[in-house]
Protein backbone atom coordinates (compact mmCIF):
# COMPACT_ATOMS: atom_id res chain seq x y z
CA MET A 1 230.12 -180.14 -13.55
CA ALA A 2 231.98 -176.93 -14.33
CA LYS A 3 232.48 -174.49 -11.48
CA SER A 4 234.28 -171.59 -13.17
CA ARG A 5 233.29 -168.09 -12.14
CA ALA A 6 231.21 -166.16 -14.65
CA VAL A 7 230.10 -162.54 -14.43
CA SER A 8 226.54 -161.70 -15.43
CA PRO A 9 225.93 -159.28 -18.29
CA SER A 10 225.44 -155.74 -17.09
CA SER A 11 222.10 -154.01 -17.36
CA SER A 12 220.86 -150.45 -16.92
CA ARG A 13 219.24 -149.64 -13.58
CA PRO A 14 218.07 -146.46 -11.89
CA ARG A 15 220.64 -144.66 -9.77
CA ALA A 16 218.58 -145.20 -6.62
CA ALA A 17 218.49 -148.96 -7.24
CA ALA A 18 222.22 -149.01 -7.93
CA ALA A 19 222.85 -147.23 -4.63
CA MET A 20 220.71 -149.81 -2.82
CA ASN A 21 222.70 -152.55 -4.49
CA GLN A 22 226.06 -151.07 -3.51
CA ALA A 23 224.92 -150.58 0.06
CA ALA A 24 223.72 -154.16 0.36
CA HIS A 25 226.91 -155.50 -1.20
CA GLY A 26 229.20 -153.33 0.89
CA ALA A 27 227.44 -154.14 4.15
CA SER A 28 228.19 -157.86 3.90
CA ALA A 29 230.98 -159.21 6.06
CA ALA A 30 232.71 -161.15 3.31
CA THR A 31 236.01 -162.83 3.96
CA PRO A 32 238.63 -162.87 1.19
CA ASP A 33 238.48 -166.66 0.82
CA ALA A 34 234.65 -166.90 0.87
CA PRO A 35 234.32 -167.50 -2.93
CA ASP A 36 236.98 -170.22 -2.83
CA ARG A 37 235.33 -171.95 0.13
CA LEU A 38 231.95 -171.64 -1.57
CA HIS A 39 233.14 -173.36 -4.73
CA ALA A 40 234.96 -176.03 -2.77
CA HIS A 41 231.66 -176.86 -1.07
CA LEU A 42 229.68 -176.76 -4.33
CA ALA A 43 231.98 -179.37 -5.83
CA ASP A 44 230.75 -181.91 -3.25
CA TYR A 45 227.22 -181.98 -4.68
CA GLY A 46 226.05 -184.13 -7.54
CA GLU A 47 223.22 -181.74 -8.37
CA ILE A 48 222.53 -178.05 -7.75
CA ALA A 49 218.87 -177.15 -8.15
CA LEU A 50 216.84 -173.96 -8.27
CA VAL A 51 213.22 -174.10 -7.02
CA LEU A 52 211.00 -171.18 -8.03
CA GLN A 53 207.63 -170.48 -6.42
CA GLY A 54 204.66 -168.82 -8.10
CA GLY A 55 203.75 -165.23 -7.25
CA GLY A 56 203.01 -163.12 -10.33
CA ALA A 57 204.73 -159.74 -10.37
CA LEU A 58 206.84 -160.73 -7.35
CA GLY A 59 208.71 -163.07 -9.70
CA ALA A 60 211.18 -160.29 -10.48
CA TYR A 61 212.74 -161.18 -7.11
CA GLN A 62 213.76 -164.50 -8.66
CA GLY A 63 215.50 -162.65 -11.47
CA GLY A 64 217.70 -160.86 -8.94
CA ILE A 65 218.46 -164.17 -7.23
CA TYR A 66 219.59 -165.72 -10.50
CA GLU A 67 221.75 -162.70 -11.34
CA ALA A 68 223.65 -163.11 -8.06
CA LEU A 69 224.05 -166.88 -8.51
CA ASP A 70 225.30 -166.44 -12.06
CA ALA A 71 227.79 -163.74 -11.05
CA ALA A 72 229.10 -166.02 -8.28
CA GLY A 73 229.68 -168.83 -10.76
CA VAL A 74 227.00 -171.13 -9.36
CA HIS A 75 226.03 -173.57 -12.13
CA ILE A 76 222.43 -174.78 -12.00
CA ASP A 77 221.79 -178.37 -13.09
CA ARG A 78 218.05 -178.49 -12.51
CA ILE A 79 215.17 -176.02 -12.20
CA ALA A 80 211.64 -176.63 -10.94
CA GLY A 81 209.05 -173.90 -11.23
CA ILE A 82 205.36 -173.15 -10.86
CA SER A 83 203.40 -170.26 -12.39
CA ILE A 84 205.72 -167.22 -12.76
CA GLY A 85 208.47 -169.49 -11.44
CA ALA A 86 207.88 -171.77 -14.44
CA ILE A 87 208.26 -168.79 -16.80
CA ASN A 88 211.52 -167.69 -15.16
CA ALA A 89 212.69 -171.31 -15.19
CA ALA A 90 212.00 -171.62 -18.92
CA LEU A 91 213.92 -168.41 -19.63
CA ILE A 92 216.93 -169.88 -17.81
CA ALA A 93 216.79 -173.46 -19.08
CA GLY A 94 215.88 -172.35 -22.62
CA ASN A 95 218.92 -170.15 -23.20
CA PRO A 96 222.69 -170.68 -23.27
CA ARG A 97 224.29 -169.34 -20.14
CA GLU A 98 225.44 -166.06 -21.65
CA ARG A 99 221.87 -165.33 -22.82
CA ARG A 100 219.96 -166.27 -19.66
CA LEU A 101 220.25 -163.02 -17.77
CA PRO A 102 219.55 -160.84 -20.86
CA ALA A 103 216.45 -162.97 -21.54
CA LEU A 104 215.22 -162.47 -17.97
CA HIS A 105 215.82 -158.72 -18.21
CA GLU A 106 214.05 -158.52 -21.57
CA PHE A 107 211.03 -160.41 -20.27
CA TRP A 108 210.63 -158.23 -17.18
CA ARG A 109 211.18 -155.02 -19.13
CA LEU A 110 208.49 -156.13 -21.59
CA VAL A 111 205.78 -157.22 -19.17
CA THR A 112 206.12 -154.17 -16.91
CA ARG A 113 204.66 -151.93 -19.60
CA GLN A 114 200.93 -151.71 -20.29
CA PRO A 115 199.87 -152.28 -23.90
CA LEU A 116 197.49 -149.31 -24.29
CA LEU A 117 198.24 -146.01 -22.54
CA PRO A 118 201.70 -144.41 -22.08
CA PRO A 119 203.71 -145.16 -18.92
CA SER A 120 202.67 -143.39 -15.72
CA PRO A 121 204.61 -140.13 -15.02
CA TRP A 122 206.42 -141.59 -11.98
CA GLU A 123 207.53 -144.54 -14.11
CA LEU A 124 209.17 -142.17 -16.59
CA ALA A 125 211.06 -140.45 -13.76
CA GLU A 126 212.42 -143.68 -12.29
CA ASP A 127 216.04 -142.81 -13.10
CA VAL A 128 216.07 -139.43 -11.37
CA LEU A 129 213.51 -139.41 -8.57
CA GLU A 130 212.47 -141.61 -5.66
CA TRP A 131 209.02 -140.68 -4.39
CA PRO A 132 208.07 -140.56 -0.66
CA ALA A 133 206.76 -143.81 0.84
CA PRO A 134 203.08 -142.72 1.20
CA LEU A 135 203.02 -141.63 -2.42
CA ARG A 136 204.62 -144.91 -3.51
CA GLU A 137 201.68 -146.77 -1.93
CA TRP A 138 199.24 -144.79 -4.10
CA GLN A 139 201.44 -145.41 -7.12
CA SER A 140 201.26 -149.11 -6.38
CA HIS A 141 197.47 -149.03 -6.22
CA LEU A 142 197.26 -147.17 -9.53
CA GLU A 143 199.69 -149.51 -11.30
CA SER A 144 197.74 -152.56 -10.14
CA LEU A 145 194.52 -150.90 -11.36
CA ARG A 146 196.13 -150.36 -14.74
CA ALA A 147 197.07 -154.05 -14.88
CA ILE A 148 193.42 -154.96 -14.26
CA VAL A 149 192.10 -152.57 -16.90
CA GLU A 150 194.80 -152.79 -19.58
CA GLY A 151 196.69 -156.04 -18.98
CA GLN A 152 200.45 -156.27 -19.42
CA ARG A 153 202.36 -156.14 -22.69
CA GLY A 154 203.59 -159.53 -23.87
CA PHE A 155 201.75 -161.32 -21.07
CA PHE A 156 197.96 -160.96 -20.87
CA GLN A 157 195.22 -158.70 -22.19
CA PRO A 158 191.51 -158.20 -21.36
CA ARG A 159 189.17 -160.27 -23.48
CA ALA A 160 187.65 -158.12 -26.20
CA ASP A 161 184.57 -160.38 -26.36
CA LEU A 162 184.04 -160.59 -22.59
CA LEU A 163 180.66 -158.86 -22.52
CA LEU A 164 179.41 -160.71 -25.59
CA HIS A 165 179.89 -164.08 -23.90
CA ALA A 166 178.79 -163.16 -20.36
CA PRO A 167 178.11 -165.11 -18.23
CA HIS A 168 179.61 -168.01 -20.23
CA PHE A 169 183.25 -166.89 -20.32
CA THR A 170 185.87 -168.87 -18.37
CA SER A 171 188.49 -166.15 -17.82
CA PHE A 172 188.79 -162.39 -17.72
CA TYR A 173 192.02 -162.24 -19.73
CA ASP A 174 193.60 -163.78 -22.79
CA THR A 175 197.17 -165.08 -22.40
CA ALA A 176 197.92 -165.44 -26.12
CA PRO A 177 200.56 -162.65 -25.87
CA LEU A 178 202.53 -164.83 -23.45
CA ARG A 179 202.92 -167.57 -26.04
CA GLY A 180 204.49 -165.10 -28.44
CA THR A 181 206.85 -163.85 -25.72
CA LEU A 182 207.94 -167.37 -24.80
CA GLU A 183 208.50 -168.32 -28.42
CA LYS A 184 210.65 -165.22 -28.86
CA LEU A 185 212.78 -165.52 -25.72
CA VAL A 186 213.02 -169.29 -25.16
CA ASP A 187 214.81 -171.83 -27.34
CA PHE A 188 212.61 -174.85 -26.69
CA ASP A 189 214.97 -177.20 -28.54
CA LEU A 190 217.74 -176.21 -26.13
CA LEU A 191 215.34 -176.38 -23.19
CA ASN A 192 214.56 -180.01 -23.97
CA ARG A 193 218.03 -181.23 -24.93
CA GLY A 194 220.25 -178.83 -22.99
CA PRO A 195 222.23 -179.25 -19.77
CA VAL A 196 219.55 -177.89 -17.41
CA ARG A 197 216.72 -180.25 -16.48
CA LEU A 198 213.37 -178.44 -16.19
CA SER A 199 210.26 -179.45 -14.24
CA VAL A 200 207.00 -177.46 -14.23
CA ALA A 201 203.66 -178.40 -12.70
CA ALA A 202 199.99 -177.80 -13.47
CA VAL A 203 196.58 -179.08 -12.36
CA ASN A 204 194.33 -181.13 -14.64
CA VAL A 205 191.06 -179.18 -14.64
CA GLU A 206 188.83 -182.24 -15.04
CA SER A 207 190.57 -184.75 -12.78
CA GLY A 208 191.98 -182.28 -10.26
CA ASN A 209 195.30 -184.14 -10.36
CA PHE A 210 198.58 -182.31 -9.86
CA GLU A 211 200.86 -183.23 -12.78
CA VAL A 212 204.56 -182.57 -13.31
CA PHE A 213 206.04 -182.05 -16.78
CA ASP A 214 209.74 -182.88 -16.80
CA SER A 215 212.10 -182.28 -19.72
CA ARG A 216 213.77 -185.60 -18.95
CA ASP A 217 210.75 -187.57 -20.16
CA THR A 218 208.40 -185.02 -21.82
CA ARG A 219 209.03 -182.58 -24.61
CA ILE A 220 208.10 -179.26 -23.05
CA GLY A 221 206.62 -176.50 -25.20
CA PRO A 222 205.12 -173.06 -24.58
CA GLU A 223 201.81 -174.67 -23.63
CA HIS A 224 203.35 -176.46 -20.63
CA ILE A 225 204.76 -173.21 -19.27
CA MET A 226 201.50 -171.35 -19.88
CA ALA A 227 199.49 -174.14 -18.22
CA SER A 228 201.62 -173.89 -15.10
CA GLY A 229 200.68 -170.21 -14.80
CA ALA A 230 197.01 -170.35 -15.85
CA LEU A 231 195.53 -169.09 -12.58
CA PRO A 232 191.71 -168.90 -12.74
CA PRO A 233 189.51 -166.99 -13.09
CA GLY A 234 191.94 -164.42 -14.45
CA PHE A 235 193.58 -166.72 -16.98
CA PRO A 236 191.97 -169.46 -19.11
CA PRO A 237 192.88 -173.15 -18.91
CA VAL A 238 195.58 -174.25 -21.36
CA GLN A 239 195.37 -177.38 -23.44
CA VAL A 240 198.30 -179.80 -23.26
CA GLY A 241 197.70 -182.88 -25.39
CA LYS A 242 194.11 -183.97 -24.81
CA HIS A 243 193.70 -182.32 -21.41
CA TRP A 244 193.20 -178.82 -20.02
CA TYR A 245 195.25 -177.41 -17.17
CA TRP A 246 195.25 -174.62 -14.61
CA ASP A 247 197.99 -173.11 -12.45
CA GLY A 248 199.88 -175.69 -10.37
CA GLY A 249 199.77 -173.30 -7.42
CA LEU A 250 196.13 -174.31 -6.86
CA VAL A 251 197.48 -177.51 -5.29
CA SER A 252 201.10 -176.77 -4.38
CA ASN A 253 202.88 -173.49 -5.01
CA THR A 254 206.39 -174.68 -4.13
CA PRO A 255 207.86 -177.47 -6.30
CA LEU A 256 210.46 -178.61 -3.76
CA MET A 257 209.24 -182.22 -3.77
CA GLN A 258 209.71 -182.33 -7.54
CA VAL A 259 213.44 -182.14 -6.81
CA LEU A 260 213.74 -183.98 -3.49
CA GLY A 261 210.93 -186.52 -3.75
CA GLY A 262 211.48 -190.20 -4.39
CA HIS A 263 214.64 -192.10 -3.59
CA PRO A 264 217.80 -189.95 -3.56
CA LYS A 265 220.37 -190.52 -6.26
CA GLN A 266 223.01 -187.96 -5.34
CA HIS A 267 223.91 -185.24 -2.87
CA THR A 268 221.73 -182.23 -3.71
CA LEU A 269 221.98 -178.51 -2.98
CA VAL A 270 218.73 -176.60 -3.49
CA PHE A 271 218.21 -172.85 -3.74
CA GLN A 272 214.53 -172.48 -2.86
CA VAL A 273 213.17 -169.04 -3.80
CA ASP A 274 209.81 -168.20 -2.22
CA LEU A 275 207.68 -165.19 -3.07
CA TRP A 276 205.25 -165.57 -0.17
CA ASN A 277 206.29 -165.46 3.47
CA ALA A 278 204.55 -167.92 5.80
CA ARG A 279 205.39 -165.69 8.77
CA GLY A 280 203.69 -162.34 9.20
CA ALA A 281 202.05 -159.87 11.55
CA LEU A 282 198.42 -159.86 12.64
CA PRO A 283 196.43 -157.84 10.04
CA LYS A 284 195.03 -154.48 11.15
CA ASP A 285 192.75 -153.67 8.22
CA LEU A 286 190.96 -155.44 5.37
CA GLY A 287 193.77 -154.81 2.88
CA GLN A 288 196.25 -156.47 5.22
CA VAL A 289 193.82 -159.36 5.68
CA LEU A 290 193.76 -159.98 1.93
CA SER A 291 197.55 -159.76 1.72
CA ARG A 292 198.08 -162.08 4.69
CA GLN A 293 195.57 -164.56 3.27
CA LYS A 294 197.62 -164.83 0.08
CA ASP A 295 200.85 -165.24 2.03
CA ILE A 296 199.44 -168.16 3.99
CA GLN A 297 197.68 -169.74 1.02
CA TYR A 298 200.64 -169.67 -1.36
CA SER A 299 203.62 -169.91 1.02
CA SER A 300 205.75 -173.04 1.08
CA ARG A 301 205.55 -175.77 3.68
CA THR A 302 209.28 -176.33 3.92
CA ARG A 303 209.13 -177.56 7.52
CA THR A 304 206.56 -180.22 6.60
CA ILE A 305 208.74 -181.39 3.73
CA THR A 306 211.81 -181.38 5.98
CA ASP A 307 210.04 -183.55 8.54
CA LEU A 308 208.96 -186.01 5.84
CA LEU A 309 212.49 -186.26 4.46
CA GLU A 310 214.00 -186.72 7.90
CA ARG A 311 211.64 -189.61 8.59
CA ALA A 312 212.50 -191.08 5.20
CA HIS A 313 216.19 -190.87 6.11
CA GLN A 314 215.55 -192.70 9.37
CA GLN A 315 213.85 -195.47 7.41
CA ARG A 316 216.79 -195.64 4.98
CA HIS A 317 219.18 -195.83 7.93
CA ILE A 318 217.22 -198.78 9.36
CA LEU A 319 217.30 -200.49 5.97
CA ARG A 320 221.08 -200.06 5.73
CA GLU A 321 221.53 -201.61 9.18
CA LEU A 322 219.34 -204.57 8.23
CA LEU A 323 221.28 -205.10 4.99
CA GLU A 324 224.56 -205.18 6.91
CA ARG A 325 223.21 -208.11 8.93
CA ILE A 326 222.59 -210.22 5.82
CA PRO A 327 225.64 -212.25 4.72
CA PRO A 328 226.81 -211.19 1.24
CA GLY A 329 226.35 -214.70 -0.13
CA LYS A 330 222.66 -214.71 0.78
CA ARG A 331 221.75 -211.38 -0.74
CA ASP A 332 219.45 -211.63 -3.75
CA ALA A 333 217.80 -209.27 -6.23
CA LEU A 334 215.39 -208.05 -3.59
CA CYS A 335 218.29 -207.02 -1.37
CA ALA A 336 219.79 -205.10 -4.28
CA GLN A 337 216.52 -203.23 -4.70
CA VAL A 338 216.38 -202.45 -0.99
CA ALA A 339 220.00 -201.27 -1.10
CA GLU A 340 219.05 -198.79 -3.83
CA MET A 341 216.24 -197.47 -1.61
CA ALA A 342 218.64 -197.20 1.36
CA ARG A 343 221.25 -195.01 -0.34
CA ASP A 344 222.90 -192.44 1.93
CA GLU A 345 222.48 -189.19 0.03
CA ARG A 346 222.19 -185.74 1.61
CA TYR A 347 220.22 -182.57 1.03
CA ASN A 348 221.01 -178.93 1.72
CA VAL A 349 218.17 -176.43 1.15
CA VAL A 350 219.12 -172.75 1.10
CA HIS A 351 215.92 -170.76 1.53
CA LEU A 352 215.49 -167.26 0.05
CA ILE A 353 212.18 -165.59 0.86
CA TYR A 354 210.83 -162.29 -0.43
CA ARG A 355 209.90 -159.95 2.41
CA ASP A 356 207.14 -157.38 1.96
CA LYS A 357 208.08 -153.75 1.46
CA VAL A 358 206.20 -150.76 2.91
CA MET A 359 204.46 -150.05 -0.40
CA ASP A 360 203.35 -153.68 -0.95
CA GLY A 361 199.62 -154.26 -0.66
CA HIS A 362 197.25 -157.14 -1.31
CA GLU A 363 197.69 -156.46 -5.05
CA LYS A 364 201.46 -157.06 -4.92
CA ASP A 365 201.23 -160.14 -7.16
CA TYR A 366 199.60 -158.19 -9.99
CA GLN A 367 201.29 -154.83 -9.48
CA PHE A 368 203.53 -154.96 -12.54
CA GLY A 369 204.80 -151.37 -12.42
CA ARG A 370 208.40 -151.01 -13.54
CA ARG A 371 209.54 -149.34 -10.32
CA ALA A 372 208.07 -152.20 -8.26
CA MET A 373 209.78 -154.72 -10.54
CA LEU A 374 213.15 -153.04 -10.01
CA ARG A 375 212.67 -153.06 -6.24
CA HIS A 376 211.81 -156.77 -6.29
CA TRP A 377 214.82 -157.52 -8.51
CA GLN A 378 217.20 -155.56 -6.30
CA ALA A 379 215.82 -157.27 -3.18
CA GLY A 380 216.56 -160.67 -4.70
CA LEU A 381 220.03 -159.56 -5.75
CA ALA A 382 220.84 -158.27 -2.25
CA ASP A 383 219.42 -161.34 -0.46
CA ALA A 384 221.31 -163.78 -2.67
CA ARG A 385 224.59 -161.88 -2.35
CA ALA A 386 224.25 -161.79 1.43
CA THR A 387 223.42 -165.50 1.51
CA LEU A 388 226.43 -166.44 -0.61
CA GLN A 389 228.72 -164.70 1.89
CA HIS A 390 227.90 -167.49 4.37
CA ALA A 391 230.14 -169.97 2.58
CA ASP A 392 229.96 -172.54 5.38
CA TRP A 393 226.21 -172.89 4.86
CA PHE A 394 226.99 -174.71 1.65
CA ALA A 395 229.07 -177.46 3.24
CA LEU A 396 227.82 -180.97 2.53
CA PRO A 397 225.69 -182.20 5.48
CA ASP A 398 227.17 -185.05 7.46
CA ALA A 399 225.67 -188.52 7.72
CA ALA A 400 224.27 -187.88 11.21
CA ARG A 401 222.20 -184.95 9.94
CA PRO A 402 221.69 -185.51 6.21
CA PHE A 403 219.06 -182.80 5.64
CA VAL A 404 219.78 -179.18 6.59
CA THR A 405 218.17 -175.83 5.78
CA HIS A 406 219.51 -172.29 5.93
CA ASP A 407 217.63 -168.99 5.75
CA LEU A 408 219.30 -165.57 5.77
CA HIS A 409 216.38 -163.80 7.42
CA ARG A 410 215.93 -166.49 10.06
CA HIS A 411 219.66 -166.22 10.78
CA ASP A 412 219.39 -162.43 11.15
């Protein structure tokens, strides 16, 4: 697995965002040898994975994360995504490395414009003016209202025949524009045969089963990505083969077990990028109640997964001790199977979690305004850069503690 450093393609950003970026980068306490130590640690892993949660417009945060990882020369071997995380994952896995970041930028530039009316005045002034915080909250409300009324270019649009079919419609919006966007920005031949393994998940509408589509054993097309993000009742179910699917986030919004589940095959480093924070303050008004409800509903259960994996490791350790007590000459095929289950592989999960900003409200997942997108992107860029400065976090866990997690905000 190559570990050479690669610098991400540059992109235009507002001066205010650039200043935020420079401040975040300059504030880090980097040591001169941090990149070398980072890459020395990365070389110890058999697989480096990126896990992307669902969260609508907040998904721009994941774009900033990937930009920082790419600039630091972190090569991703596997990506698992749900909903908007599945779309970002497809843009990464379905492009050669030099095209991944431009594809992400193009997608987020496209879907942060409404398809009908011109951009809002404050959106046009994004390069020269930063509005006061109270006004930004009203801007956020208006941009989310525009998303409801107009849809988002290249993503979804209100159904023209909605009133004609009432009350027998099954979604408020049509996601046909998203198929065209995916077909334009994603090389699905490369996605299925390329170096990055992709897993996306959706829910079978009729059976209620949570199903994972993996490029290792399924040819993934635009319909699989769209199914993973078909959140009802806003978006319609998507047909894959003979079945219809909704957003995988209805069952599990964090695809960590897609990467770490089953019997381990190799040491694995995971960058888990969450868009919903399980921790939060007690709500003080109805808007905060709605926002907090979403955070709890869609946040990851990393601690639960960690506990499960730690217990699984204890069981593997017991199996290894039992195998050592069996003389080699008496071991049979069953022992070989048990030995495979008892492999001593280790996991390191680096957690990156989006934290709400002052202007974020309960509509933050469908507030697709361009200024909000740039703030989310810059937040991801700053968080990932700060995380990568802690080179020792990426050291391979030892056998006594084979599963470790790190979180920049928890550390702070």
